[in-house]
């Protein structure tokens, strides 16, 4: 499993537009596409890395509750990521992950 504390916004920015497989247990997997990787507006003094957020888009249904999910990406490996649903639009359900 990849160490999330070692990853930066640049690591994720290189994968924008690509799918991540989200493990939903017995129901199988869902594909989430990374829509954006955005640095935080203000850096935290003394932080080991610059804070950033990720925005993913997946199928409109089911809308998953906020929780930690295992995401798998061919380049970044397995990542336990806390996702928060932020809404639905014409593209599907949107989820955000924030890294401080």
PDB file of N, CA and C in Angstrom:
ATOM      1  N   UNK A   1       0.852  -1.175   0.000  1.00  0.00           N
ATOM      2  CA  UNK A   1       0.000   0.000   0.000  1.00  0.00           C
ATOM      3  C   UNK A   1       0.902   1.244   0.000  1.00  0.00           C
ATOM      4  N   UNK A   2       0.546   2.218  -0.786  1.00  0.00           N
ATOM      5  CA  UNK A   2       1.322   3.440  -0.918  1.00  0.00           C
ATOM      6  C   UNK A   2       1.166   4.306   0.328  1.00  0.00           C
ATOM      7  N   UNK A   3       2.260   4.917   0.766  1.00  0.00           N
ATOM      8  CA  UNK A   3       2.246   5.822   1.919  1.00  0.00           C
ATOM      9  C   UNK A   3       1.708   7.179   1.460  1.00  0.00           C
ATOM     10  N   UNK A   4       0.483   7.514   1.896  1.00  0.00           N
ATOM     11  CA  UNK A   4      -0.141   8.769   1.477  1.00  0.00           C
ATOM     12  C   UNK A   4       0.644   9.997   1.912  1.00  0.00           C
ATOM     13  N   UNK A   5       1.352   9.907   3.044  1.00  0.00           N
ATOM     14  CA  UNK A   5       2.077  11.077   3.544  1.00  0.00           C
ATOM     15  C   UNK A   5       3.233  11.461   2.622  1.00  0.00           C
ATOM     16  N   UNK A   6       3.637  10.547   1.747  1.00  0.00           N
ATOM     17  CA  UNK A   6       4.741  10.824   0.825  1.00  0.00           C
ATOM     18  C   UNK A   6       4.266  11.439  -0.488  1.00  0.00           C
ATOM     19  N   UNK A   7       2.956  11.436  -0.732  1.00  0.00           N
ATOM     20  CA  UNK A   7       2.432  11.941  -2.002  1.00  0.00           C
ATOM     21  C   UNK A   7       2.125  13.439  -1.926  1.00  0.00           C
ATOM     22  N   UNK A   8       2.296  14.110  -3.058  1.00  0.00           N
ATOM     23  CA  UNK A   8       2.039  15.548  -3.139  1.00  0.00           C
ATOM     24  C   UNK A   8       0.981  15.816  -4.212  1.00  0.00           C
ATOM     25  N   UNK A   9       0.581  17.065  -4.301  1.00  0.00           N
ATOM     26  CA  UNK A   9      -0.387  17.450  -5.324  1.00  0.00           C
ATOM     27  C   UNK A   9       0.152  17.131  -6.720  1.00  0.00           C
ATOM     28  N   UNK A  10       1.447  17.251  -6.921  1.00  0.00           N
ATOM     29  CA  UNK A  10       2.041  16.959  -8.231  1.00  0.00           C
ATOM     30  C   UNK A  10       1.910  15.483  -8.603  1.00  0.00           C
ATOM     31  N   UNK A  11       2.030  14.597  -7.612  1.00  0.00           N
ATOM     32  CA  UNK A  11       1.858  13.170  -7.879  1.00  0.00           C
ATOM     33  C   UNK A  11       0.460  12.892  -8.418  1.00  0.00           C
ATOM     34  N   UNK A  12      -0.546  13.495  -7.781  1.00  0.00           N
ATOM     35  CA  UNK A  12      -1.921  13.291  -8.227  1.00  0.00           C
ATOM     36  C   UNK A  12      -2.223  14.058  -9.512  1.00  0.00           C
ATOM     37  N   UNK A  13      -1.648  15.251  -9.676  1.00  0.00           N
ATOM     38  CA  UNK A  13      -1.904  16.055 -10.877  1.00  0.00           C
ATOM     39  C   UNK A  13      -1.511  15.280 -12.142  1.00  0.00           C
ATOM     40  N   UNK A  14      -0.493  14.449 -12.035  1.00  0.00           N
ATOM     41  CA  UNK A  14      -0.058  13.649 -13.178  1.00  0.00           C
ATOM     42  C   UNK A  14      -1.101  12.596 -13.568  1.00  0.00           C
ATOM     43  N   UNK A  15      -2.095  12.346 -12.704  1.00  0.00           N
ATOM     44  CA  UNK A  15      -3.105  11.325 -12.991  1.00  0.00           C
ATOM     45  C   UNK A  15      -4.496  11.923 -13.230  1.00  0.00           C
ATOM     46  N   UNK A  16      -4.606  13.243 -13.345  1.00  0.00           N
ATOM     47  CA  UNK A  16      -5.902  13.871 -13.637  1.00  0.00           C
ATOM     48  C   UNK A  16      -6.434  13.326 -14.957  1.00  0.00           C
ATOM     49  N   UNK A  17      -7.712  12.971 -14.948  1.00  0.00           N
ATOM     50  CA  UNK A  17      -8.339  12.428 -16.148  1.00  0.00           C
ATOM     51  C   UNK A  17      -8.281  10.911 -16.242  1.00  0.00           C
ATOM     52  N   UNK A  18      -7.605  10.280 -15.299  1.00  0.00           N
ATOM     53  CA  UNK A  18      -7.493   8.819 -15.330  1.00  0.00           C
ATOM     54  C   UNK A  18      -8.373   8.195 -14.252  1.00  0.00           C
ATOM     55  N   UNK A  19      -8.768   6.930 -14.464  1.00  0.00           N
ATOM     56  CA  UNK A  19      -9.656   6.273 -13.494  1.00  0.00           C
ATOM     57  C   UNK A  19      -8.906   5.660 -12.318  1.00  0.00           C
ATOM     58  N   UNK A  20      -9.574   5.675 -11.185  1.00  0.00           N
ATOM     59  CA  UNK A  20      -9.157   4.985  -9.974  1.00  0.00           C
ATOM     60  C   UNK A  20     -10.246   3.950  -9.683  1.00  0.00           C
ATOM     61  N   UNK A  21      -9.864   2.752  -9.300  1.00  0.00           N
ATOM     62  CA  UNK A  21     -10.836   1.730  -8.920  1.00  0.00           C
ATOM     63  C   UNK A  21     -11.112   1.881  -7.428  1.00  0.00           C
ATOM     64  N   UNK A  22     -12.390   2.002  -7.073  1.00  0.00           N
ATOM     65  CA  UNK A  22     -12.798   2.151  -5.687  1.00  0.00           C
ATOM     66  C   UNK A  22     -13.423   0.847  -5.221  1.00  0.00           C
ATOM     67  N   UNK A  23     -12.843   0.251  -4.194  1.00  0.00           N
ATOM     68  CA  UNK A  23     -13.328  -1.016  -3.661  1.00  0.00           C
ATOM     69  C   UNK A  23     -14.552  -0.762  -2.788  1.00  0.00           C
ATOM     70  N   UNK A  24     -15.700  -1.331  -3.187  1.00  0.00           N
ATOM     71  CA  UNK A  24     -16.927  -1.203  -2.386  1.00  0.00           C
ATOM     72  C   UNK A  24     -17.321  -2.555  -1.790  1.00  0.00           C
ATOM     73  N   UNK A  25     -16.328  -3.365  -1.490  1.00  0.00           N
ATOM     74  CA  UNK A  25     -16.561  -4.635  -0.824  1.00  0.00           C
ATOM     75  C   UNK A  25     -17.257  -5.648  -1.708  1.00  0.00           C
ATOM     76  N   UNK A  26     -18.295  -6.289  -1.135  1.00  0.00           N
ATOM     77  CA  UNK A  26     -19.009  -7.356  -1.838  1.00  0.00           C
ATOM     78  C   UNK A  26     -19.660  -6.873  -3.134  1.00  0.00           C
ATOM     79  N   UNK A  27     -19.928  -5.567  -3.230  1.00  0.00           N
ATOM     80  CA  UNK A  27     -20.557  -5.006  -4.428  1.00  0.00           C
ATOM     81  C   UNK A  27     -19.569  -4.847  -5.581  1.00  0.00           C
ATOM     82  N   UNK A  28     -18.281  -5.067  -5.321  1.00  0.00           N
ATOM     83  CA  UNK A  28     -17.283  -4.974  -6.388  1.00  0.00           C
ATOM     84  C   UNK A  28     -16.507  -3.674  -6.369  1.00  0.00           C
ATOM     85  N   UNK A  29     -16.318  -3.076  -7.536  1.00  0.00           N
ATOM     86  CA  UNK A  29     -15.576  -1.821  -7.644  1.00  0.00           C
ATOM     87  C   UNK A  29     -16.355  -0.819  -8.483  1.00  0.00           C
ATOM     88  N   UNK A  30     -16.083   0.430  -8.210  1.00  0.00           N
ATOM     89  CA  UNK A  30     -16.603   1.534  -9.019  1.00  0.00           C
ATOM     90  C   UNK A  30     -15.408   2.276  -9.597  1.00  0.00           C
ATOM     91  N   UNK A  31     -15.579   2.851 -10.765  1.00  0.00           N
ATOM     92  CA  UNK A  31     -14.526   3.679 -11.355  1.00  0.00           C
ATOM     93  C   UNK A  31     -14.784   5.134 -10.990  1.00  0.00           C
ATOM     94  N   UNK A  32     -13.780   5.758 -10.383  1.00  0.00           N
ATOM     95  CA  UNK A  32     -13.814   7.198 -10.126  1.00  0.00           C
ATOM     96  C   UNK A  32     -12.726   7.833 -10.968  1.00  0.00           C
ATOM     97  N   UNK A  33     -13.050   8.914 -11.647  1.00  0.00           N
ATOM     98  CA  UNK A  33     -12.062   9.622 -12.463  1.00  0.00           C
ATOM     99  C   UNK A  33     -11.619  10.857 -11.689  1.00  0.00           C
ATOM    100  N   UNK A  34     -10.314  11.033 -11.584  1.00  0.00           N
ATOM    101  CA  UNK A  34      -9.787  12.227 -10.907  1.00  0.00           C
ATOM    102  C   UNK A  34     -10.007  13.426 -11.815  1.00  0.00           C
ATOM    103  N   UNK A  35     -10.827  14.351 -11.368  1.00  0.00           N
ATOM    104  CA  UNK A  35     -11.166  15.538 -12.154  1.00  0.00           C
ATOM    105  C   UNK A  35     -10.142  16.655 -11.942  1.00  0.00           C
ATOM    106  N   UNK A  36      -9.669  16.831 -10.684  1.00  0.00           N
ATOM    107  CA  UNK A  36      -8.692  17.897 -10.434  1.00  0.00           C
ATOM    108  C   UNK A  36      -7.859  17.591  -9.190  1.00  0.00           C
ATOM    109  N   UNK A  37      -6.664  18.150  -9.153  1.00  0.00           N
ATOM    110  CA  UNK A  37      -5.758  18.115  -8.006  1.00  0.00           C
ATOM    111  C   UNK A  37      -5.325  19.557  -7.793  1.00  0.00           C
ATOM    112  N   UNK A  38      -5.784  20.162  -6.678  1.00  0.00           N
ATOM    113  CA  UNK A  38      -5.636  21.599  -6.483  1.00  0.00           C
ATOM    114  C   UNK A  38      -4.879  21.924  -5.201  1.00  0.00           C
ATOM    115  N   UNK A  39      -3.798  22.720  -5.285  1.00  0.00           N
ATOM    116  CA  UNK A  39      -3.118  23.157  -4.063  1.00  0.00           C
ATOM    117  C   UNK A  39      -4.054  24.008  -3.212  1.00  0.00           C
ATOM    118  N   UNK A  40      -3.856  23.972  -1.904  1.00  0.00           N
ATOM    119  CA  UNK A  40      -4.647  24.813  -1.006  1.00  0.00           C
ATOM    120  C   UNK A  40      -4.316  26.272  -1.245  1.00  0.00           C
ATOM    121  N   UNK A  41      -5.267  27.136  -0.920  1.00  0.00           N
ATOM    122  CA  UNK A  41      -5.077  28.572  -1.125  1.00  0.00           C
ATOM    123  C   UNK A  41      -3.943  29.121  -0.271  1.00  0.00           C
ATOM    124  N   UNK A  42      -3.789  28.574   0.936  1.00  0.00           N
ATOM    125  CA  UNK A  42      -2.737  29.066   1.838  1.00  0.00           C
ATOM    126  C   UNK A  42      -1.992  27.866   2.417  1.00  0.00           C
ATOM    127  N   UNK A  43      -0.684  27.922   2.363  1.00  0.00           N
ATOM    128  CA  UNK A  43       0.127  26.845   2.914  1.00  0.00           C
ATOM    129  C   UNK A  43       0.162  26.946   4.436  1.00  0.00           C
ATOM    130  N   UNK A  44       0.305  25.803   5.084  1.00  0.00           N
ATOM    131  CA  UNK A  44       0.408  25.751   6.538  1.00  0.00           C
ATOM    132  C   UNK A  44       1.878  25.830   6.913  1.00  0.00           C
ATOM    133  N   UNK A  45       2.221  26.772   7.784  1.00  0.00           N
ATOM    134  CA  UNK A  45       3.606  26.950   8.196  1.00  0.00           C
ATOM    135  C   UNK A  45       4.111  25.700   8.899  1.00  0.00           C
ATOM    136  N   UNK A  46       5.246  25.212   8.460  1.00  0.00           N
ATOM    137  CA  UNK A  46       5.865  24.054   9.080  1.00  0.00           C
ATOM    138  C   UNK A  46       5.289  22.724   8.656  1.00  0.00           C
ATOM    139  N   UNK A  47       4.335  22.723   7.746  1.00  0.00           N
ATOM    140  CA  UNK A  47       3.742  21.463   7.282  1.00  0.00           C
ATOM    141  C   UNK A  47       4.763  20.702   6.437  1.00  0.00           C
ATOM    142  N   UNK A  48       4.747  19.360   6.512  1.00  0.00           N
ATOM    143  CA  UNK A  48       5.713  18.577   5.727  1.00  0.00           C
ATOM    144  C   UNK A  48       5.457  18.631   4.225  1.00  0.00           C
ATOM    145  N   UNK A  49       4.248  19.018   3.840  1.00  0.00           N
ATOM    146  CA  UNK A  49       3.929  19.174   2.418  1.00  0.00           C
ATOM    147  C   UNK A  49       2.852  20.239   2.292  1.00  0.00           C
ATOM    148  N   UNK A  50       2.706  20.753   1.093  1.00  0.00           N
ATOM    149  CA  UNK A  50       1.673  21.743   0.807  1.00  0.00           C
ATOM    150  C   UNK A  50       0.301  21.050   0.814  1.00  0.00           C
ATOM    151  N   UNK A  51      -0.670  21.572   1.568  1.00  0.00           N
ATOM    152  CA  UNK A  51      -2.014  20.968   1.554  1.00  0.00           C
ATOM    153  C   UNK A  51      -2.639  21.066   0.160  1.00  0.00           C
ATOM    154  N   UNK A  52      -3.513  20.087  -0.142  1.00  0.00           N
ATOM    155  CA  UNK A  52      -4.172  20.080  -1.449  1.00  0.00           C
ATOM    156  C   UNK A  52      -5.474  19.304  -1.347  1.00  0.00           C
ATOM    157  N   UNK A  53      -6.277  19.423  -2.400  1.00  0.00           N
ATOM    158  CA  UNK A  53      -7.529  18.665  -2.462  1.00  0.00           C
ATOM    159  C   UNK A  53      -7.642  17.977  -3.819  1.00  0.00           C
ATOM    160  N   UNK A  54      -8.407  16.891  -3.809  1.00  0.00           N
ATOM    161  CA  UNK A  54      -8.674  16.125  -5.022  1.00  0.00           C
ATOM    162  C   UNK A  54     -10.171  16.086  -5.242  1.00  0.00           C
ATOM    163  N   UNK A  55     -10.595  16.170  -6.480  1.00  0.00           N
ATOM    164  CA  UNK A  55     -12.005  16.048  -6.826  1.00  0.00           C
ATOM    165  C   UNK A  55     -12.157  14.876  -7.791  1.00  0.00           C
ATOM    166  N   UNK A  56     -12.986  13.906  -7.402  1.00  0.00           N
ATOM    167  CA  UNK A  56     -13.255  12.723  -8.207  1.00  0.00           C
ATOM    168  C   UNK A  56     -14.697  12.755  -8.687  1.00  0.00           C
ATOM    169  N   UNK A  57     -14.955  12.114  -9.827  1.00  0.00           N
ATOM    170  CA  UNK A  57     -16.316  11.954 -10.346  1.00  0.00           C
ATOM    171  C   UNK A  57     -16.528  10.468 -10.630  1.00  0.00           C
ATOM    172  N   UNK A  58     -17.694   9.982 -10.164  1.00  0.00           N
ATOM    173  CA  UNK A  58     -18.047   8.582 -10.379  1.00  0.00           C
ATOM    174  C   UNK A  58     -19.480   8.467 -10.846  1.00  0.00           C
ATOM    175  N   UNK A  59     -19.998   7.256 -10.894  1.00  0.00           N
ATOM    176  CA  UNK A  59     -21.383   7.059 -11.313  1.00  0.00           C
ATOM    177  C   UNK A  59     -22.352   7.827 -10.411  1.00  0.00           C
ATOM    178  N   UNK A  60     -23.458   8.289 -10.967  1.00  0.00           N
ATOM    179  CA  UNK A  60     -24.450   9.036 -10.187  1.00  0.00           C
ATOM    180  C   UNK A  60     -25.051   8.179  -9.087  1.00  0.00           C
ATOM    181  N   UNK A  61     -25.191   6.896  -9.341  1.00  0.00           N
ATOM    182  CA  UNK A  61     -25.714   5.965  -8.341  1.00  0.00           C
ATOM    183  C   UNK A  61     -24.801   4.756  -8.258  1.00  0.00           C
ATOM    184  N   UNK A  62     -24.493   4.286  -7.093  1.00  0.00           N
ATOM    185  CA  UNK A  62     -24.958   4.808  -5.818  1.00  0.00           C
ATOM    186  C   UNK A  62     -24.121   6.003  -5.381  1.00  0.00           C
ATOM    187  N   UNK A  63     -24.714   6.893  -4.591  1.00  0.00           N
ATOM    188  CA  UNK A  63     -23.970   7.990  -3.969  1.00  0.00           C
ATOM    189  C   UNK A  63     -23.413   7.416  -2.670  1.00  0.00           C
ATOM    190  N   UNK A  64     -22.112   7.324  -2.583  1.00  0.00           N
ATOM    191  CA  UNK A  64     -21.476   6.703  -1.427  1.00  0.00           C
ATOM    192  C   UNK A  64     -21.413   7.664  -0.242  1.00  0.00           C
ATOM    193  N   UNK A  65     -21.532   7.156   0.983  1.00  0.00           N
ATOM    194  CA  UNK A  65     -21.395   8.015   2.162  1.00  0.00           C
ATOM    195  C   UNK A  65     -19.928   8.365   2.386  1.00  0.00           C
ATOM    196  N   UNK A  66     -19.682   9.410   3.178  1.00  0.00           N
ATOM    197  CA  UNK A  66     -18.290   9.734   3.488  1.00  0.00           C
ATOM    198  C   UNK A  66     -17.691   8.588   4.297  1.00  0.00           C
ATOM    199  N   UNK A  67     -16.487   8.226   3.906  1.00  0.00           N
ATOM    200  CA  UNK A  67     -15.791   7.116   4.549  1.00  0.00           C
ATOM    201  C   UNK A  67     -14.398   7.007   3.932  1.00  0.00           C
ATOM    202  N   UNK A  68     -13.586   6.166   4.522  1.00  0.00           N
ATOM    203  CA  UNK A  68     -12.294   5.849   3.935  1.00  0.00           C
ATOM    204  C   UNK A  68     -12.481   4.663   2.999  1.00  0.00           C
ATOM    205  N   UNK A  69     -12.067   4.838   1.756  1.00  0.00           N
ATOM    206  CA  UNK A  69     -12.195   3.811   0.730  1.00  0.00           C
ATOM    207  C   UNK A  69     -10.811   3.471   0.192  1.00  0.00           C
ATOM    208  N   UNK A  70     -10.654   2.241  -0.239  1.00  0.00           N
ATOM    209  CA  UNK A  70      -9.405   1.833  -0.864  1.00  0.00           C
ATOM    210  C   UNK A  70      -9.504   2.124  -2.356  1.00  0.00           C
ATOM    211  N   UNK A  71      -8.686   3.076  -2.808  1.00  0.00           N
ATOM    212  CA  UNK A  71      -8.600   3.408  -4.228  1.00  0.00           C
ATOM    213  C   UNK A  71      -7.344   2.756  -4.790  1.00  0.00           C
ATOM    214  N   UNK A  72      -7.441   2.262  -6.010  1.00  0.00           N
ATOM    215  CA  UNK A  72      -6.278   1.665  -6.663  1.00  0.00           C
ATOM    216  C   UNK A  72      -6.059   2.347  -8.002  1.00  0.00           C
ATOM    217  N   UNK A  73      -4.811   2.750  -8.228  1.00  0.00           N
ATOM    218  CA  UNK A  73      -4.431   3.397  -9.488  1.00  0.00           C
ATOM    219  C   UNK A  73      -3.197   2.685 -10.031  1.00  0.00           C
ATOM    220  N   UNK A  74      -3.120   2.478 -11.349  1.00  0.00           N
ATOM    221  CA  UNK A  74      -1.982   1.745 -11.921  1.00  0.00           C
ATOM    222  C   UNK A  74      -0.619   2.362 -11.606  1.00  0.00           C
ATOM    223  N   UNK A  75      -0.544   3.674 -11.480  1.00  0.00           N
ATOM    224  CA  UNK A  75       0.747   4.333 -11.216  1.00  0.00           C
ATOM    225  C   UNK A  75       0.997   4.568  -9.734  1.00  0.00           C
ATOM    226  N   UNK A  76      -0.062   4.864  -8.960  1.00  0.00           N
ATOM    227  CA  UNK A  76       0.111   5.231  -7.553  1.00  0.00           C
ATOM    228  C   UNK A  76      -0.124   4.073  -6.586  1.00  0.00           C
ATOM    229  N   UNK A  77      -0.681   2.971  -7.072  1.00  0.00           N
ATOM    230  CA  UNK A  77      -0.908   1.812  -6.214  1.00  0.00           C
ATOM    231  C   UNK A  77      -2.190   1.920  -5.406  1.00  0.00           C
ATOM    232  N   UNK A  78      -2.224   1.205  -4.274  1.00  0.00           N
ATOM    233  CA  UNK A  78      -3.391   1.202  -3.396  1.00  0.00           C
ATOM    234  C   UNK A  78      -3.308   2.352  -2.411  1.00  0.00           C
ATOM    235  N   UNK A  79      -4.404   3.104  -2.298  1.00  0.00           N
ATOM    236  CA  UNK A  79      -4.436   4.308  -1.473  1.00  0.00           C
ATOM    237  C   UNK A  79      -5.691   4.312  -0.602  1.00  0.00           C
ATOM    238  N   UNK A  80      -5.559   4.290   0.727  1.00  0.00           N
ATOM    239  CA  UNK A  80      -6.733   4.445   1.580  1.00  0.00           C
ATOM    240  C   UNK A  80      -7.060   5.939   1.685  1.00  0.00           C
ATOM    241  N   UNK A  81      -8.160   6.360   1.073  1.00  0.00           N
ATOM    242  CA  UNK A  81      -8.484   7.789   0.968  1.00  0.00           C
ATOM    243  C   UNK A  81      -9.853   8.067   1.593  1.00  0.00           C
ATOM    244  N   UNK A  82      -9.914   9.103   2.435  1.00  0.00           N
ATOM    245  CA  UNK A  82     -11.182   9.536   3.017  1.00  0.00           C
ATOM    246  C   UNK A  82     -11.882  10.426   2.002  1.00  0.00           C
ATOM    247  N   UNK A  83     -13.037   9.967   1.521  1.00  0.00           N
ATOM    248  CA  UNK A  83     -13.806  10.700   0.515  1.00  0.00           C
ATOM    249  C   UNK A  83     -15.082  11.262   1.123  1.00  0.00           C
ATOM    250  N   UNK A  84     -15.411  12.476   0.718  1.00  0.00           N
ATOM    251  CA  UNK A  84     -16.637  13.147   1.149  1.00  0.00           C
ATOM    252  C   UNK A  84     -17.473  13.442  -0.094  1.00  0.00           C
ATOM    253  N   UNK A  85     -18.727  12.979  -0.125  1.00  0.00           N
ATOM    254  CA  UNK A  85     -19.572  13.317  -1.268  1.00  0.00           C
ATOM    255  C   UNK A  85     -19.886  14.811  -1.249  1.00  0.00           C
ATOM    256  N   UNK A  86     -19.750  15.453  -2.403  1.00  0.00           N
ATOM    257  CA  UNK A  86     -20.002  16.900  -2.467  1.00  0.00           C
ATOM    258  C   UNK A  86     -21.127  17.252  -3.429  1.00  0.00           C
ATOM    259  N   UNK A  87     -21.777  16.243  -4.006  1.00  0.00           N
ATOM    260  CA  UNK A  87     -22.936  16.511  -4.845  1.00  0.00           C
ATOM    261  C   UNK A  87     -22.953  15.683  -6.108  1.00  0.00           C
ATOM    262  N   UNK A  88     -24.016  15.916  -6.869  1.00  0.00           N
ATOM    263  CA  UNK A  88     -24.184  15.267  -8.170  1.00  0.00           C
ATOM    264  C   UNK A  88     -24.352  16.347  -9.221  1.00  0.00           C
ATOM    265  N   UNK A  89     -23.910  16.050 -10.413  1.00  0.00           N
ATOM    266  CA  UNK A  89     -24.172  16.935 -11.544  1.00  0.00           C
ATOM    267  C   UNK A  89     -24.398  16.056 -12.768  1.00  0.00           C
ATOM    268  N   UNK A  90     -24.404  16.642 -13.933  1.00  0.00           N
ATOM    269  CA  UNK A  90     -24.670  15.883 -15.158  1.00  0.00           C
ATOM    270  C   UNK A  90     -23.624  14.796 -15.403  1.00  0.00           C
ATOM    271  N   UNK A  91     -22.425  14.961 -14.835  1.00  0.00           N
ATOM    272  CA  UNK A  91     -21.355  13.983 -15.032  1.00  0.00           C
ATOM    273  C   UNK A  91     -21.421  12.814 -14.053  1.00  0.00           C
ATOM    274  N   UNK A  92     -22.140  12.974 -12.940  1.00  0.00           N
ATOM    275  CA  UNK A  92     -22.235  11.910 -11.943  1.00  0.00           C
ATOM    276  C   UNK A  92     -22.040  12.441 -10.541  1.00  0.00           C
ATOM    277  N   UNK A  93     -21.693  11.540  -9.628  1.00  0.00           N
ATOM    278  CA  UNK A  93     -21.461  11.912  -8.228  1.00  0.00           C
ATOM    279  C   UNK A  93     -20.040  12.442  -8.078  1.00  0.00           C
ATOM    280  N   UNK A  94     -19.906  13.507  -7.279  1.00  0.00           N
ATOM    281  CA  UNK A  94     -18.595  14.122  -7.050  1.00  0.00           C
ATOM    282  C   UNK A  94     -18.164  13.857  -5.608  1.00  0.00           C
ATOM    283  N   UNK A  95     -16.866  13.576  -5.431  1.00  0.00           N
ATOM    284  CA  UNK A  95     -16.292  13.292  -4.120  1.00  0.00           C
ATOM    285  C   UNK A  95     -15.006  14.107  -3.962  1.00  0.00           C
ATOM    286  N   UNK A  96     -14.774  14.588  -2.745  1.00  0.00           N
ATOM    287  CA  UNK A  96     -13.562  15.354  -2.468  1.00  0.00           C
ATOM    288  C   UNK A  96     -12.728  14.664  -1.401  1.00  0.00           C
ATOM    289  N   UNK A  97     -11.423  14.749  -1.564  1.00  0.00           N
ATOM    290  CA  UNK A  97     -10.461  14.302  -0.571  1.00  0.00           C
ATOM    291  C   UNK A  97      -9.521  15.473  -0.280  1.00  0.00           C
ATOM    292  N   UNK A  98      -9.285  15.741   0.998  1.00  0.00           N
ATOM    293  CA  UNK A  98      -8.422  16.865   1.383  1.00  0.00           C
ATOM    294  C   UNK A  98      -7.208  16.300   2.119  1.00  0.00           C
ATOM    295  N   UNK A  99      -6.028  16.767   1.734  1.00  0.00           N
ATOM    296  CA  UNK A  99      -4.769  16.353   2.343  1.00  0.00           C
ATOM    297  C   UNK A  99      -4.110  17.568   2.948  1.00  0.00           C
ATOM    298  N   UNK A 100      -3.839  17.499   4.242  1.00  0.00           N
ATOM    299  CA  UNK A 100      -3.196  18.617   4.941  1.00  0.00           C
ATOM    300  C   UNK A 100      -1.748  18.323   5.223  1.00  0.00           C
TER     301      UNK A 100
END
